């Protein structure tokens, strides 16, 4: 994957997290504990997607900077 693909993956994870956070709030208002539990599970998954996306992007940026530093005299 390249830098932009990791960046897109990170933002997709943010969108998923926001979606399930809103559903979780609906479950909180309507006192639906099963809905909140399911949303907790998917929000943790979204956090891992964000970690992979933004962390992978950061790693790729660092590698690119090292390559450019090695090429430059």
Protein backbone atom coordinates (compact mmCIF):
# COMPACT_ATOMS: atom_id res chain seq x y z
CA UNK A 1 0.00 0.00 0.00
CA UNK A 2 1.17 3.52 -0.65
CA UNK A 3 0.88 6.62 1.52
CA UNK A 4 -2.46 7.80 0.15
CA UNK A 5 -4.06 4.36 0.57
CA UNK A 6 -3.05 4.28 4.25
CA UNK A 7 -4.42 7.82 4.65
CA UNK A 8 -7.75 6.80 3.07
CA UNK A 9 -7.91 3.71 5.31
CA UNK A 10 -7.39 5.89 8.38
CA UNK A 11 -10.23 8.24 7.40
CA UNK A 12 -12.52 5.29 6.61
CA UNK A 13 -11.82 4.08 10.16
CA UNK A 14 -12.78 7.54 11.47
CA UNK A 15 -16.05 7.44 9.53
CA UNK A 16 -16.90 3.98 10.83
CA UNK A 17 -16.09 5.08 14.38
CA UNK A 18 -18.32 8.16 14.11
CA UNK A 19 -21.17 6.11 12.66
CA UNK A 20 -21.10 3.58 15.48
CA UNK A 21 -20.61 6.33 18.08
CA UNK A 22 -23.86 7.92 16.92
CA UNK A 23 -25.63 4.55 17.01
CA UNK A 24 -24.17 4.01 20.49
CA UNK A 25 -25.63 7.35 21.62
CA UNK A 26 -29.01 6.30 20.25
CA UNK A 27 -28.69 3.08 22.26
CA UNK A 28 -27.82 5.13 25.34
CA UNK A 29 -30.88 7.35 24.93
CA UNK A 30 -33.22 4.40 24.34
CA UNK A 31 -31.57 2.17 27.01
CA UNK A 32 -30.65 -0.65 24.62
CA UNK A 33 -27.66 -2.35 26.20
CA UNK A 34 -27.22 -4.96 23.43
CA UNK A 35 -27.00 -2.23 20.81
CA UNK A 36 -24.41 -0.37 22.89
CA UNK A 37 -22.38 -3.57 23.39
CA UNK A 38 -22.36 -4.28 19.64
CA UNK A 39 -21.35 -0.69 18.93
CA UNK A 40 -18.53 -0.97 21.50
CA UNK A 41 -17.21 -3.98 19.61
CA UNK A 42 -17.34 -2.24 16.22
CA UNK A 43 -15.89 1.01 17.60
CA UNK A 44 -12.85 -0.89 18.88
CA UNK A 45 -12.52 -2.44 15.43
CA UNK A 46 -12.70 1.02 13.87
CA UNK A 47 -9.96 2.21 16.22
CA UNK A 48 -7.73 -0.60 14.98
CA UNK A 49 -8.49 0.37 11.37
CA UNK A 50 -7.52 3.95 12.22
CA UNK A 51 -4.33 2.72 13.91
CA UNK A 52 -3.37 0.65 10.87
CA UNK A 53 -4.24 3.45 8.46
CA UNK A 54 -2.64 6.44 10.15
CA UNK A 55 0.21 4.41 11.67
CA UNK A 56 1.04 2.84 8.32
CA UNK A 57 0.94 6.24 6.68
CA UNK A 58 3.32 7.63 9.30
CA UNK A 59 5.70 4.72 8.76
CA UNK A 60 5.62 5.21 4.98
CA UNK A 61 6.31 8.95 5.37
CA UNK A 62 9.31 8.21 7.60
CA UNK A 63 10.66 5.68 5.10
CA UNK A 64 10.22 8.17 2.27
CA UNK A 65 12.11 10.84 4.22
CA UNK A 66 14.94 8.39 4.91
CA UNK A 67 15.15 7.49 1.21
CA UNK A 68 15.27 11.15 0.23
CA UNK A 69 17.95 11.82 2.84
CA UNK A 70 20.01 8.91 1.52
CA UNK A 71 19.77 10.17 -2.06
CA UNK A 72 20.61 13.79 -1.23
CA UNK A 73 24.34 14.47 -0.81
